[in-house]
Protein backbone atom coordinates (compact mmCIF):
# COMPACT_ATOMS: atom_id res chain seq x y z
CA MET A 1 0.07 -0.02 -0.22
CA THR A 2 1.14 3.30 -0.85
CA GLU A 3 1.67 5.49 2.07
CA GLN A 4 0.17 8.50 3.13
CA LEU A 5 2.26 11.79 2.56
CA ASP A 6 2.83 14.00 5.60
CA VAL A 7 0.42 16.91 4.42
CA THR A 8 0.06 19.87 6.81
CA ALA A 9 -2.67 22.12 4.97
CA PRO A 10 -3.36 25.38 5.98
CA ALA A 11 -6.16 25.94 8.58
CA ASP A 12 -8.55 27.39 5.95
CA HIS A 13 -7.49 24.33 3.20
CA PRO A 14 -9.41 21.36 3.14
CA SER A 15 -7.64 18.32 3.99
CA VAL A 16 -5.67 16.60 1.35
CA LYS A 17 -6.28 12.83 0.63
CA SER A 18 -3.56 10.78 -0.92
CA GLY A 19 -2.36 7.43 -1.34
CA LYS A 20 -5.24 5.55 -3.16
CA VAL A 21 -5.41 3.69 -6.22
CA GLY A 22 -8.28 4.34 -8.88
CA ILE A 23 -9.72 2.16 -11.14
CA LEU A 24 -11.95 3.74 -13.87
CA LEU A 25 -13.88 1.69 -16.16
CA VAL A 26 -15.31 3.07 -19.23
CA ASN A 27 -17.55 2.14 -22.01
CA LEU A 28 -18.69 4.02 -25.07
CA GLY A 29 -21.75 6.04 -23.75
CA THR A 30 -25.63 6.23 -23.39
CA PRO A 31 -28.32 8.74 -23.61
CA ASP A 32 -30.20 9.72 -20.57
CA GLY A 33 -33.45 8.96 -22.07
CA THR A 34 -35.18 7.78 -25.16
CA ASP A 35 -36.58 11.29 -25.82
CA TYR A 36 -35.57 13.71 -28.78
CA THR A 37 -33.76 15.86 -26.66
CA SER A 38 -31.65 13.39 -24.70
CA MET A 39 -30.91 11.35 -28.03
CA ARG A 40 -30.05 14.69 -29.77
CA ARG A 41 -27.41 15.69 -26.87
CA TYR A 42 -25.93 12.20 -27.23
CA LEU A 43 -25.76 11.84 -30.68
CA LYS A 44 -24.25 15.32 -30.96
CA GLU A 45 -21.48 14.40 -28.51
CA PHE A 46 -20.90 11.10 -30.27
CA LEU A 47 -21.18 12.19 -33.95
CA THR A 48 -18.69 15.60 -33.58
CA ASP A 49 -15.71 13.38 -32.12
CA ARG A 50 -13.02 13.51 -34.67
CA ARG A 51 -11.88 9.85 -33.91
CA VAL A 52 -15.45 8.69 -34.96
CA ILE A 53 -16.16 10.76 -38.07
CA GLU A 54 -12.47 11.85 -39.53
CA TRP A 55 -14.31 13.81 -42.54
CA SER A 56 -13.46 17.61 -43.01
CA ARG A 57 -15.52 19.37 -40.57
CA LEU A 58 -16.72 22.13 -43.63
CA PHE A 59 -17.92 18.60 -45.35
CA TRP A 60 -19.51 16.98 -42.25
CA TYR A 61 -20.72 19.70 -40.07
CA PRO A 62 -23.47 20.98 -42.52
CA ILE A 63 -24.72 17.22 -43.01
CA LEU A 64 -24.88 16.54 -39.17
CA PHE A 65 -26.56 19.70 -37.88
CA GLY A 66 -28.50 20.30 -41.00
CA ILE A 67 -29.82 16.63 -41.45
CA VAL A 68 -28.67 14.31 -38.98
CA LEU A 69 -29.17 15.69 -35.83
CA ASN A 70 -32.69 16.46 -37.14
CA THR A 71 -33.89 13.05 -38.13
CA ARG A 72 -31.74 10.50 -36.33
CA PRO A 73 -32.51 11.24 -32.84
CA GLY A 74 -36.32 10.45 -33.26
CA LYS A 75 -35.37 7.17 -35.25
CA VAL A 76 -32.74 5.89 -32.69
CA GLY A 77 -34.75 7.24 -29.54
CA LYS A 78 -37.62 4.67 -30.85
CA ALA A 79 -34.86 1.93 -31.18
CA TYR A 80 -33.70 2.43 -27.72
CA GLU A 81 -37.21 2.36 -26.17
CA THR A 82 -37.50 -1.31 -27.45
CA ILE A 83 -34.38 -2.45 -25.39
CA TRP A 84 -34.68 0.21 -22.59
CA ASN A 85 -34.37 -0.95 -19.15
CA LYS A 86 -37.94 0.19 -18.00
CA GLU A 87 -37.11 -1.11 -14.33
CA LEU A 88 -34.34 1.37 -13.72
CA ASN A 89 -35.27 3.69 -16.61
CA GLU A 90 -31.77 3.52 -18.43
CA SER A 91 -30.07 1.56 -20.94
CA TYR A 92 -28.61 -1.42 -20.19
CA LEU A 93 -25.35 -0.47 -21.06
CA ARG A 94 -25.19 1.81 -18.02
CA THR A 95 -26.88 -1.20 -15.78
CA TYR A 96 -24.21 -3.47 -16.81
CA THR A 97 -21.48 -1.05 -16.72
CA ARG A 98 -22.43 0.06 -13.07
CA ASN A 99 -22.78 -3.72 -12.17
CA GLN A 100 -19.19 -4.63 -13.37
CA ALA A 101 -17.75 -1.71 -11.44
CA GLN A 102 -19.66 -2.66 -8.25
CA LEU A 103 -18.46 -6.25 -8.89
CA ILE A 104 -15.05 -5.33 -9.42
CA ALA A 105 -14.84 -3.18 -6.32
CA LYS A 106 -15.94 -6.39 -4.17
CA THR A 107 -12.95 -8.43 -5.39
CA PHE A 108 -10.87 -5.74 -3.89
CA ALA A 109 -12.51 -5.42 -0.75
CA ASP A 110 -9.87 -6.68 1.29
CA ARG A 111 -7.66 -3.76 -0.06
CA PRO A 112 -9.10 -0.25 1.21
CA GLU A 113 -6.44 1.75 -0.94
CA VAL A 114 -8.43 0.70 -4.04
CA ILE A 115 -11.21 2.44 -5.40
CA VAL A 116 -13.25 1.48 -8.37
CA ASP A 117 -15.60 3.74 -10.64
CA TRP A 118 -16.96 3.89 -13.83
CA GLY A 119 -17.87 6.30 -16.41
CA MET A 120 -18.68 6.89 -20.28
CA ARG A 121 -17.10 8.60 -23.36
CA TYR A 122 -20.40 10.00 -24.35
CA GLY A 123 -22.89 10.88 -21.88
CA GLN A 124 -23.03 10.61 -18.17
CA PRO A 125 -21.40 10.01 -15.95
CA SER A 126 -18.66 11.72 -17.90
CA ILE A 127 -14.68 10.52 -17.63
CA ALA A 128 -13.50 13.98 -16.59
CA SER A 129 -16.12 13.98 -13.92
CA ARG A 130 -15.27 10.60 -12.53
CA MET A 131 -11.30 11.41 -12.87
CA GLU A 132 -11.97 14.28 -11.12
CA ALA A 133 -13.66 12.41 -8.25
CA LEU A 134 -11.09 9.99 -8.07
CA GLN A 135 -8.21 12.52 -7.82
CA LYS A 136 -10.30 14.36 -4.85
CA ALA A 137 -10.78 10.64 -3.04
CA GLY A 138 -6.80 10.52 -2.95
CA CYS A 139 -6.01 8.63 -6.07
CA GLU A 140 -2.38 9.05 -6.85
CA ARG A 141 -2.46 6.41 -9.61
CA ILE A 142 -5.42 5.62 -11.94
CA LEU A 143 -6.11 3.02 -14.42
CA VAL A 144 -8.29 3.92 -16.92
CA PHE A 145 -9.88 0.74 -18.55
CA PRO A 146 -11.53 1.40 -21.84
CA LEU A 147 -13.92 -1.64 -22.06
CA TYR A 148 -13.14 -2.83 -25.78
CA PRO A 149 -11.47 -6.17 -25.90
CA GLN A 150 -10.11 -4.81 -29.69
CA TYR A 151 -8.38 -1.62 -30.15
CA ALA A 152 -9.56 1.18 -32.36
CA ALA A 153 -8.95 4.60 -32.88
CA ALA A 154 -12.79 5.30 -32.76
CA THR A 155 -13.35 3.77 -29.18
CA THR A 156 -10.19 2.73 -27.32
CA ALA A 157 -8.00 5.80 -28.14
CA THR A 158 -10.96 8.18 -28.05
CA VAL A 159 -11.47 7.05 -24.14
CA ASN A 160 -7.66 7.36 -23.71
CA ASP A 161 -7.84 10.79 -25.18
CA LYS A 162 -10.67 12.21 -23.02
CA ALA A 163 -8.84 11.00 -19.71
CA PHE A 164 -5.47 12.43 -20.67
CA GLU A 165 -7.46 15.73 -21.30
CA ALA A 166 -8.96 15.66 -17.84
CA LEU A 167 -5.56 15.71 -16.57
CA LEU A 168 -5.05 19.23 -18.41
CA LYS A 169 -7.36 20.66 -15.71
CA MET A 170 -5.77 19.28 -12.87
CA ARG A 171 -2.78 21.14 -10.60
CA TRP A 172 -2.10 17.74 -9.11
CA GLN A 173 -2.13 14.99 -11.56
CA PRO A 174 -2.55 11.49 -10.64
CA ALA A 175 -0.27 9.01 -12.51
CA LEU A 176 -2.25 7.26 -15.36
CA ARG A 177 -2.20 3.97 -17.04
CA THR A 178 -4.50 2.84 -19.81
CA VAL A 179 -5.46 -0.65 -20.19
CA PRO A 180 -4.23 -2.14 -23.82
CA PRO A 181 -6.72 -4.43 -25.79
CA TYR A 182 -6.90 -7.99 -24.64
CA HIS A 183 -8.24 -9.57 -27.95
CA ASP A 184 -6.12 -12.58 -27.55
CA ASP A 185 -5.96 -13.09 -23.89
CA PRO A 186 -6.79 -16.64 -22.93
CA VAL A 187 -9.08 -15.92 -20.38
CA TYR A 188 -11.29 -14.01 -22.51
CA ILE A 189 -11.10 -16.49 -25.21
CA ASP A 190 -12.17 -19.17 -22.69
CA ALA A 191 -15.05 -16.91 -21.67
CA LEU A 192 -16.50 -16.38 -24.81
CA ALA A 193 -16.43 -20.15 -25.54
CA THR A 194 -17.71 -21.07 -22.43
CA SER A 195 -20.77 -18.47 -23.02
CA ILE A 196 -21.38 -19.79 -26.65
CA GLU A 197 -21.25 -23.60 -25.46
CA ARG A 198 -23.61 -22.80 -22.40
CA HIS A 199 -26.01 -20.84 -24.74
CA LEU A 200 -26.27 -23.51 -27.11
CA ALA A 201 -26.70 -26.16 -24.73
CA THR A 202 -30.20 -24.28 -24.01
CA LEU A 203 -31.60 -24.86 -27.54
CA ASP A 204 -33.34 -27.81 -28.77
CA TRP A 205 -31.53 -27.14 -32.33
CA GLU A 206 -27.96 -26.84 -33.39
CA PRO A 207 -27.15 -23.75 -35.66
CA GLU A 208 -25.26 -24.66 -38.88
CA VAL A 209 -23.66 -21.21 -38.77
CA VAL A 210 -22.37 -19.06 -35.79
CA LEU A 211 -21.58 -15.33 -36.99
CA THR A 212 -19.13 -13.50 -34.70
CA SER A 213 -20.36 -10.07 -35.43
CA PHE A 214 -17.92 -7.03 -34.55
CA HIS A 215 -19.01 -3.37 -34.68
CA GLY A 216 -17.35 -1.95 -38.07
CA ILE A 217 -15.24 0.90 -38.90
CA PRO A 218 -14.69 2.69 -42.33
CA LYS A 219 -12.40 0.75 -44.28
CA SER A 220 -10.51 3.68 -44.66
CA TYR A 221 -9.44 3.79 -41.01
CA PHE A 222 -8.00 0.21 -41.54
CA ASP A 223 -6.21 1.57 -44.45
CA LYS A 224 -4.48 4.09 -42.41
CA GLY A 225 -3.11 1.55 -39.94
CA ASP A 226 -6.03 0.96 -37.44
CA PRO A 227 -5.28 -2.61 -35.75
CA TYR A 228 -8.93 -3.36 -35.34
CA TYR A 229 -9.58 -5.57 -38.26
CA CYS A 230 -6.78 -8.00 -37.67
CA GLN A 231 -7.38 -8.26 -33.93
CA CYS A 232 -11.14 -9.06 -34.50
CA GLN A 233 -9.91 -11.79 -37.21
CA LYS A 234 -7.14 -12.94 -34.39
CA THR A 235 -10.24 -13.13 -31.60
CA ALA A 236 -12.12 -15.12 -34.06
CA ARG A 237 -9.11 -17.60 -34.92
CA LEU A 238 -8.59 -18.35 -31.43
CA LEU A 239 -12.30 -18.71 -30.43
CA ARG A 240 -12.64 -21.17 -33.59
CA GLU A 241 -9.68 -22.94 -32.33
CA LYS A 242 -10.92 -23.28 -28.78
CA LEU A 243 -14.36 -24.54 -29.86
CA GLY A 244 -12.98 -27.01 -32.74
CA TRP A 245 -14.76 -25.39 -35.38
CA SER A 246 -14.35 -24.78 -39.21
CA LYS A 247 -14.35 -21.35 -40.95
CA GLU A 248 -17.58 -22.30 -42.52
CA LYS A 249 -19.27 -22.91 -38.86
CA LEU A 250 -17.78 -19.82 -37.14
CA GLN A 251 -17.77 -16.75 -39.45
CA VAL A 252 -16.55 -12.95 -39.00
CA THR A 253 -18.56 -10.23 -40.08
CA PHE A 254 -19.19 -6.53 -39.15
CA GLN A 255 -22.28 -4.58 -38.51
CA SER A 256 -23.56 -1.10 -37.55
CA ARG A 257 -22.17 0.72 -40.76
CA PHE A 258 -23.22 4.55 -40.88
CA GLY A 259 -22.87 6.99 -44.11
CA PRO A 260 -21.80 6.24 -47.47
CA GLU A 261 -18.07 5.22 -47.41
CA GLU A 262 -17.18 1.43 -47.37
CA TRP A 263 -17.02 0.11 -44.02
CA LEU A 264 -15.33 -3.41 -43.25
CA GLN A 265 -16.72 -6.38 -44.72
CA PRO A 266 -18.61 -8.79 -44.69
CA TYR A 267 -21.48 -6.79 -43.69
CA THR A 268 -23.47 -8.95 -40.76
CA ASP A 269 -26.89 -7.73 -42.20
CA LYS A 270 -25.90 -8.78 -45.95
CA THR A 271 -24.55 -12.12 -44.75
CA VAL A 272 -27.66 -12.82 -42.74
CA GLU A 273 -29.64 -12.25 -45.57
CA LYS A 274 -27.44 -14.20 -47.93
CA LEU A 275 -27.30 -17.30 -45.53
CA ALA A 276 -31.05 -17.46 -45.70
CA GLN A 277 -31.21 -17.17 -49.21
CA GLU A 278 -29.16 -19.77 -49.84
CA GLY A 279 -30.79 -22.27 -47.74
CA VAL A 280 -29.23 -22.15 -44.22
CA LYS A 281 -32.02 -22.48 -41.92
CA ARG A 282 -30.32 -22.40 -38.22
CA ILE A 283 -28.10 -19.60 -37.18
CA ALA A 284 -26.70 -18.03 -34.04
CA VAL A 285 -25.02 -14.66 -33.75
CA ILE A 286 -22.74 -13.47 -30.91
CA ASN A 287 -20.79 -10.06 -30.54
CA PRO A 288 -17.32 -10.64 -29.07
CA GLY A 289 -16.43 -7.08 -29.33
CA PHE A 290 -18.95 -5.63 -27.07
CA VAL A 291 -18.53 -6.12 -23.36
CA SER A 292 -22.12 -5.44 -22.45
CA ASP A 293 -25.50 -6.00 -24.50
CA CYS A 294 -26.43 -2.47 -25.81
CA LEU A 295 -28.59 -0.97 -28.95
CA GLU A 296 -26.39 -2.60 -31.27
CA THR A 297 -26.60 -6.04 -29.70
CA LEU A 298 -30.20 -6.16 -28.57
CA GLU A 299 -31.88 -4.30 -31.03
CA GLU A 300 -29.82 -4.46 -34.29
CA ILE A 301 -29.01 -8.08 -33.96
CA ALA A 302 -31.48 -9.75 -31.70
CA GLU A 303 -34.20 -7.97 -33.39
CA GLN A 304 -33.44 -6.44 -36.63
CA ALA A 305 -31.05 -9.41 -37.85
CA ALA A 306 -33.61 -12.07 -36.72
CA GLU A 307 -36.43 -10.67 -38.49
CA SER A 308 -34.24 -10.47 -41.68
CA PHE A 309 -33.26 -14.09 -41.46
CA HIS A 310 -36.80 -15.15 -40.89
CA HIS A 311 -38.27 -12.96 -43.79
CA ASN A 312 -35.40 -14.18 -46.39
CA GLY A 313 -36.37 -17.80 -45.43
CA GLY A 314 -34.41 -18.67 -42.33
CA ASP A 315 -35.91 -20.92 -39.53
CA LYS A 316 -34.13 -20.75 -36.28
CA PHE A 317 -32.17 -17.79 -34.94
CA THR A 318 -30.62 -16.90 -31.59
CA HIS A 319 -28.57 -14.15 -30.11
CA ILE A 320 -26.01 -15.09 -27.91
CA PRO A 321 -25.75 -12.77 -25.11
CA CYS A 322 -22.48 -10.59 -24.39
CA LEU A 323 -20.57 -11.54 -21.21
CA ASN A 324 -22.14 -8.53 -19.40
CA ASP A 325 -21.98 -9.16 -15.74
CA SER A 326 -21.53 -12.83 -15.75
CA ALA A 327 -19.18 -14.67 -13.81
CA GLU A 328 -17.01 -15.36 -17.02
CA GLY A 329 -17.06 -11.82 -18.06
CA MET A 330 -16.29 -10.83 -14.72
CA ALA A 331 -13.45 -13.21 -14.46
CA VAL A 332 -12.00 -11.46 -17.70
CA LEU A 333 -12.25 -7.75 -16.44
CA GLU A 334 -10.77 -8.92 -13.08
CA HIS A 335 -7.87 -10.79 -14.76
CA VAL A 336 -7.01 -7.52 -16.84
CA VAL A 337 -7.36 -5.28 -14.18
CA ARG A 338 -5.05 -7.26 -11.82
CA ARG A 339 -2.60 -7.60 -14.49
CA GLU A 340 -2.46 -4.22 -15.30
CA LEU A 341 -2.29 -3.00 -11.83
CA ALA A 342 1.11 -4.74 -11.18
CA GLY A 343 3.65 -2.85 -9.40
CA TRP A 344 0.98 -0.50 -8.06
CA LEU A 345 -0.64 -2.86 -5.57
């Protein structure tokens, strides 16, 4: 444990806390509600991120503020409404991220110097607000954990950007570490394999094809050197080897494309249609790149992709849930956290 500094503060100055180690779990983000205003605020923050949309602002902003932010909030809000956690009146991404932080905190219950918190890159709670809270709580070291197994500039890097940006406003900066991708970590691969086997065991049918559907990125980002595509492929290869399946049985696809440019292929939606049209009757889809179920898994895959498969002649469709806050999922997060805290604890 880091020893407390001998700090003598002026009488009119609050006492200074120190000697703590912070862990900040960060996921993509979530709107505060499904209404138009909440959705527009969330989409504006997301779609003005230069890591997400790399087009020239002169070209992109007229489209964004003239069309996208006037039309998409309503449409996306309706989609969120179908998968909203009505009990807690929040998105499931927020529910799972909070649960993950609380469960990580329990694993460090015997280490009072460790403080675990969570935040979102877009929306609330913001990275800056949680970084400030951890610093004020006495965290002289903070481990920032972008909850993305595969690295992409549009996900991992933008979380790191915001974390370091928060340091700019701090007089007393904590030391900062960021968690690297863990796309090929055996604990992660084992957890995915277990989740697939457990889910398929609940069915009275066997899928002919299992799609590993990753969130896509524009192909131009990959061409510029983003390692995301390669890391997705490696995750799928290791998972395939762990399960003892063929390339035909476990296939890689990419979803959630946006805008006119070409994205990583093959596209999930087109593949689902094609499989059904070619006579494949039973498929399963898993989203290995998502730590928690969210709009892109619960609505885009479990609802839209299932409907498309059936519409094009398919018979049986199942969505395999993300690791979420399951025992296997938490084992992965704890494993990564403990590894990255080496030397600090």
